[in-house]
C-alpha atoms as a PDB file:
ATOM      1  CA  ILE A   1       4.900  12.764  29.129  1.00  0.00           C
ATOM      2  CA  TYR A   2       1.889  16.353  28.393  1.00  0.00           C
ATOM      3  CA  VAL A   3       0.877  15.495  24.996  1.00  0.00           C
ATOM      4  CA  LEU A   4      -0.869  18.193  22.747  1.00  0.00           C
ATOM      5  CA  ASN A   5      -3.977  18.166  20.968  1.00  0.00           C
ATOM      6  CA  PRO A   6      -6.580  20.485  19.224  1.00  0.00           C
ATOM      7  CA  GLU A   7      -8.676  19.928  22.059  1.00  0.00           C
ATOM      8  CA  THR A   8      -5.737  21.619  25.164  1.00  0.00           C
ATOM      9  CA  ILE A   9      -4.474  24.200  22.485  1.00  0.00           C
ATOM     10  CA  GLN A  10      -8.146  25.496  21.701  1.00  0.00           C
ATOM     11  CA  PHE A  11      -8.845  25.684  25.123  1.00  0.00           C
ATOM     12  CA  GLU A  12      -5.706  27.606  26.049  1.00  0.00           C
ATOM     13  CA  HIS A  13      -6.125  29.943  23.512  1.00  0.00           C
ATOM     14  CA  ASN A  14      -9.932  30.701  24.710  1.00  0.00           C
ATOM     15  CA  LYS A  15      -8.397  31.239  28.282  1.00  0.00           C
ATOM     16  CA  ILE A  16      -6.333  34.078  27.266  1.00  0.00           C
ATOM     17  CA  ILE A  17      -9.196  35.501  25.297  1.00  0.00           C
ATOM     18  CA  ASN A  18     -10.863  35.813  28.152  1.00  0.00           C
ATOM     19  CA  ILE A  19      -7.715  37.542  30.097  1.00  0.00           C
ATOM     20  CA  LEU A  20      -7.294  40.200  27.732  1.00  0.00           C
ATOM     21  CA  LEU A  21     -10.866  41.141  27.803  1.00  0.00           C
ATOM     22  CA  LYS A  22      -9.565  42.367  31.293  1.00  0.00           C
ATOM     23  CA  ARG A  23      -6.626  43.621  30.779  1.00  0.00           C
ATOM     24  CA  THR A  24      -4.836  47.458  30.075  1.00  0.00           C
ATOM     25  CA  ASP A  25      -3.218  48.311  25.991  1.00  0.00           C
ATOM     26  CA  SER A  26       0.850  46.948  26.979  1.00  0.00           C
ATOM     27  CA  GLU A  27      -1.363  43.923  28.172  1.00  0.00           C
ATOM     28  CA  TYR A  28      -2.990  43.579  25.552  1.00  0.00           C
ATOM     29  CA  LEU A  29      -0.160  43.697  23.423  1.00  0.00           C
ATOM     30  CA  PHE A  30       1.421  40.342  24.902  1.00  0.00           C
ATOM     31  CA  PHE A  31      -1.429  38.422  24.845  1.00  0.00           C
ATOM     32  CA  GLU A  32      -2.180  39.361  21.671  1.00  0.00           C
ATOM     33  CA  SER A  33       1.634  38.285  20.442  1.00  0.00           C
ATOM     34  CA  ILE A  34       0.429  35.070  22.702  1.00  0.00           C
ATOM     35  CA  LEU A  35      -2.357  34.470  21.074  1.00  0.00           C
ATOM     36  CA  PHE A  36      -0.696  34.829  17.656  1.00  0.00           C
ATOM     37  CA  PHE A  37       1.615  31.836  18.057  1.00  0.00           C
ATOM     38  CA  ASN A  38      -1.625  30.128  20.227  1.00  0.00           C
ATOM     39  CA  ARG A  39      -2.615  30.002  16.249  1.00  0.00           C
ATOM     40  CA  MET A  40       0.284  29.236  14.930  1.00  0.00           C
ATOM     41  CA  ILE A  41       0.806  26.150  17.433  1.00  0.00           C
ATOM     42  CA  LEU A  42      -2.860  25.411  16.812  1.00  0.00           C
ATOM     43  CA  MET A  43      -2.681  25.040  13.045  1.00  0.00           C
ATOM     44  CA  ILE A  44       1.086  22.820  13.775  1.00  0.00           C
ATOM     45  CA  ILE A  45      -0.484  20.684  16.179  1.00  0.00           C
ATOM     46  CA  GLN A  46      -3.884  20.137  13.865  1.00  0.00           C
ATOM     47  CA  GLY A  47      -2.162  19.327  10.883  1.00  0.00           C
ATOM     48  CA  LEU A  48       0.254  16.592  13.012  1.00  0.00           C
ATOM     49  CA  TYR A  49      -3.304  15.242  14.302  1.00  0.00           C
ATOM     50  CA  LYS A  50      -3.915  15.452  10.358  1.00  0.00           C
ATOM     51  CA  LEU A  51      -1.490  13.250   9.723  1.00  0.00           C
ATOM     52  CA  GLU A  52      -1.204  10.947  12.416  1.00  0.00           C
ATOM     53  CA  ILE A  53      -4.841   9.636  11.211  1.00  0.00           C
ATOM     54  CA  SER A  54      -3.558   9.848   7.462  1.00  0.00           C
ATOM     55  CA  MET A  55      -0.745   7.320   8.549  1.00  0.00           C
ATOM     56  CA  LYS A  56      -2.608   5.525  10.291  1.00  0.00           C
ATOM     57  CA  ARG A  57      -5.662   4.484   7.867  1.00  0.00           C
ATOM     58  CA  ILE A  58      -2.620   4.165   5.185  1.00  0.00           C
ATOM     59  CA  ILE A  59      -1.124   1.093   7.722  1.00  0.00           C
ATOM     60  CA  VAL A  60      -4.571  -0.469   8.024  1.00  0.00           C
ATOM     61  CA  HIS A  61      -4.710  -0.261   4.599  1.00  0.00           C
ATOM     62  CA  SER A  62      -1.000  -1.656   4.003  1.00  0.00           C
ATOM     63  CA  ILE A  63      -1.412  -4.620   6.498  1.00  0.00           C
ATOM     64  CA  LYS A  64      -4.999  -5.079   3.999  1.00  0.00           C
ATOM     65  CA  LYS A  65      -3.038  -5.040   0.948  1.00  0.00           C
ATOM     66  CA  ILE A  66       0.202  -7.305   2.567  1.00  0.00           C
ATOM     67  CA  LYS A  67      -2.723 -10.625   3.455  1.00  0.00           C
ATOM     68  CA  LYS A  68      -4.436 -10.326  -0.051  1.00  0.00           C
ATOM     69  CA  SER A  69      -0.832 -10.233  -1.651  1.00  0.00           C
ATOM     70  CA  LYS A  70      -0.773 -13.454   0.599  1.00  0.00           C
ATOM     71  CA  LYS A  71      -3.768 -15.406  -0.692  1.00  0.00           C
ATOM     72  CA  LEU A  72      -3.610 -13.771  -4.619  1.00  0.00           C
ATOM     73  CA  THR A  73      -0.050 -15.247  -4.709  1.00  0.00           C
ATOM     74  CA  GLY A  74      -1.033 -18.279  -2.514  1.00  0.00           C
ATOM     75  CA  PHE A  75      -4.014 -18.561  -4.959  1.00  0.00           C
ATOM     76  CA  PHE A  76      -1.911 -18.126  -8.249  1.00  0.00           C
ATOM     77  CA  GLU A  77       0.935 -20.674  -6.880  1.00  0.00           C
ATOM     78  CA  TYR A  78      -2.405 -23.472  -6.347  1.00  0.00           C
ATOM     79  CA  LEU A  79      -4.034 -22.797 -10.037  1.00  0.00           C
ATOM     80  CA  VAL A  80      -0.512 -23.300 -11.815  1.00  0.00           C
ATOM     81  CA  ASN A  81       0.021 -26.247  -9.779  1.00  0.00           C
ATOM     82  CA  GLU A  82      -2.956 -28.158 -10.793  1.00  0.00           C
ATOM     83  CA  ILE A  83      -2.005 -27.549 -14.582  1.00  0.00           C
ATOM     84  CA  ALA A  84      -1.699 -31.137 -15.325  1.00  0.00           C
ATOM     85  CA  SER A  85       1.577 -30.480 -17.634  1.00  0.00           C
ATOM     86  CA  ASP A  86       5.427 -31.360 -17.046  1.00  0.00           C
ATOM     87  CA  THR A  87       6.750 -27.929 -19.111  1.00  0.00           C
ATOM     88  CA  ILE A  88       5.567 -25.928 -16.244  1.00  0.00           C
ATOM     89  CA  GLU A  89       7.367 -25.114 -12.793  1.00  0.00           C
ATOM     90  CA  ILE A  90       7.098 -22.313  -9.980  1.00  0.00           C
ATOM     91  CA  ILE A  91      10.823 -21.716  -9.632  1.00  0.00           C
ATOM     92  CA  THR A  92      10.519 -19.109  -6.825  1.00  0.00           C
ATOM     93  CA  PRO A  93      10.527 -20.171  -3.182  1.00  0.00           C
ATOM     94  CA  THR A  94       7.289 -21.670  -1.828  1.00  0.00           C
ATOM     95  CA  ASN A  95       7.312 -19.810   1.408  1.00  0.00           C
ATOM     96  CA  PRO A  96       5.366 -16.823   0.709  1.00  0.00           C
ATOM     97  CA  ASN A  97       7.926 -15.010   3.679  1.00  0.00           C
ATOM     98  CA  GLU A  98      10.302 -15.313   1.102  1.00  0.00           C
ATOM     99  CA  ARG A  99       9.129 -14.060  -2.135  1.00  0.00           C
ATOM    100  CA  GLY A 100       6.386 -11.559  -1.841  1.00  0.00           C
ATOM    101  CA  CYS A 101       3.655 -11.770  -4.778  1.00  0.00           C
ATOM    102  CA  GLN A 102       5.680 -12.444  -7.709  1.00  0.00           C
ATOM    103  CA  LEU A 103       6.013 -16.395  -9.208  1.00  0.00           C
ATOM    104  CA  SER A 104       8.632 -16.888 -11.698  1.00  0.00           C
ATOM    105  CA  LEU A 105       7.524 -20.280 -13.988  1.00  0.00           C
ATOM    106  CA  GLN A 106      10.146 -21.601 -15.497  1.00  0.00           C
ATOM    107  CA  VAL A 107       8.352 -22.918 -18.590  1.00  0.00           C
ATOM    108  CA  LYS A 108      10.506 -26.009 -20.786  1.00  0.00           C
ATOM    109  CA  ASN A 109      10.858 -25.491 -24.152  1.00  0.00           C
ATOM    110  CA  ALA A 110       9.332 -22.264 -24.097  1.00  0.00           C
ATOM    111  CA  ASP A 111      10.451 -18.937 -26.422  1.00  0.00           C
ATOM    112  CA  LYS A 112       9.544 -15.315 -25.920  1.00  0.00           C
ATOM    113  CA  ASN A 113       6.619 -15.656 -28.180  1.00  0.00           C
ATOM    114  CA  LEU A 114       5.033 -17.423 -25.143  1.00  0.00           C
ATOM    115  CA  HIS A 115       4.623 -14.259 -23.501  1.00  0.00           C
ATOM    116  CA  LYS A 116       4.452 -11.482 -27.123  1.00  0.00           C
ATOM    117  CA  LYS A 117       1.329 -13.919 -26.716  1.00  0.00           C
ATOM    118  CA  LEU A 118       0.203 -13.500 -23.101  1.00  0.00           C
ATOM    119  CA  THR A 119       1.150  -9.552 -23.327  1.00  0.00           C
ATOM    120  CA  GLU A 120      -1.080  -9.915 -26.396  1.00  0.00           C
ATOM    121  CA  ASN A 121      -4.202 -11.377 -24.087  1.00  0.00           C
ATOM    122  CA  ASN A 122      -3.692  -8.376 -21.859  1.00  0.00           C
ATOM    123  CA  ILE A 123      -1.454 -10.450 -19.013  1.00  0.00           C
ATOM    124  CA  ILE A 124       1.423  -8.683 -18.361  1.00  0.00           C
ATOM    125  CA  THR A 125       4.610 -10.552 -17.040  1.00  0.00           C
ATOM    126  CA  ASP A 126       8.372  -9.837 -17.767  1.00  0.00           C
ATOM    127  CA  TRP A 127      10.314 -12.775 -19.902  1.00  0.00           C
ATOM    128  CA  ARG A 128      13.913 -14.120 -18.674  1.00  0.00           C
ATOM    129  CA  GLU A 129      16.155 -16.011 -20.684  1.00  0.00           C
ATOM    130  CA  PRO A 130      16.366 -18.974 -21.456  1.00  0.00           C
ATOM    131  CA  ASP A 131      12.583 -19.787 -20.508  1.00  0.00           C
ATOM    132  CA  VAL A 132      11.603 -17.967 -17.767  1.00  0.00           C
ATOM    133  CA  ILE A 133       7.963 -15.561 -16.992  1.00  0.00           C
ATOM    134  CA  ARG A 134       7.927 -13.666 -13.853  1.00  0.00           C
ATOM    135  CA  CYS A 135       4.584 -12.726 -12.639  1.00  0.00           C
ATOM    136  CA  ALA A 136       3.096 -10.363 -10.269  1.00  0.00           C
ATOM    137  CA  PRO A 137      -0.200 -10.871  -9.327  1.00  0.00           C
ATOM    138  CA  VAL A 138      -0.452  -7.022  -7.316  1.00  0.00           C
ATOM    139  CA  PRO A 139      -2.856  -6.732  -4.336  1.00  0.00           C
ATOM    140  CA  MET A 140      -3.518  -2.908  -5.435  1.00  0.00           C
ATOM    141  CA  TYR A 141      -5.445  -3.446  -9.053  1.00  0.00           C
ATOM    142  CA  THR A 142      -5.017  -7.308  -9.713  1.00  0.00           C
ATOM    143  CA  SER A 143      -8.491  -9.589  -8.871  1.00  0.00           C
ATOM    144  CA  PHE A 144      -8.513 -13.585  -7.775  1.00  0.00           C
ATOM    145  CA  GLU A 145     -10.461 -13.244 -11.300  1.00  0.00           C
ATOM    146  CA  ASP A 146      -7.763 -11.937 -13.319  1.00  0.00           C
ATOM    147  CA  VAL A 147      -5.416 -14.564 -11.947  1.00  0.00           C
ATOM    148  CA  TYR A 148      -7.406 -17.458 -12.168  1.00  0.00           C
ATOM    149  CA  HIS A 149      -7.872 -15.628 -16.281  1.00  0.00           C
ATOM    150  CA  MET A 150      -4.489 -15.500 -16.566  1.00  0.00           C
ATOM    151  CA  VAL A 151      -3.232 -19.380 -15.761  1.00  0.00           C
ATOM    152  CA  LYS A 152      -6.521 -20.314 -17.692  1.00  0.00           C
ATOM    153  CA  THR A 153      -4.892 -18.179 -20.782  1.00  0.00           C
ATOM    154  CA  LEU A 154      -1.167 -19.478 -20.104  1.00  0.00           C
ATOM    155  CA  GLU A 155      -2.521 -23.360 -19.773  1.00  0.00           C
ATOM    156  CA  SER A 156      -4.000 -22.986 -23.320  1.00  0.00           C
ATOM    157  CA  LEU A 157      -0.826 -21.836 -24.659  1.00  0.00           C
ATOM    158  CA  LEU A 158       0.933 -24.424 -23.639  1.00  0.00           C
END
């Protein structure tokens, strides 16, 4: 398989220019049209090359975020399990591959006021009847310190 890259196209382009300098008018027009299409191909290949580099960066960045996500959620799970209270229980699967970054916490005898108090403390959660709070430490903009703060706030509200 022959793979085109910008350097190969530029080399071919330069070869055609050297040929043009030694040709008649009709041959010149023929090669000029080839040069025109060569430039377009070069621009397309350069664009695809830049796109490929960008996609590789996005994939590497995404893999790093997935690793951070598992660590954040694991840290969150650990802190919730350390709360010395029988009123809170994690109902999300413990296997990290089955849950993503979200944990569902069942808080016995709780109502939506707990969710409102968390919101007042700048902690975004989701309330599900009858007594479940869903929390998702999204790795793009959540730090380990944010998770710690959330669990300590939740603990103080229990």
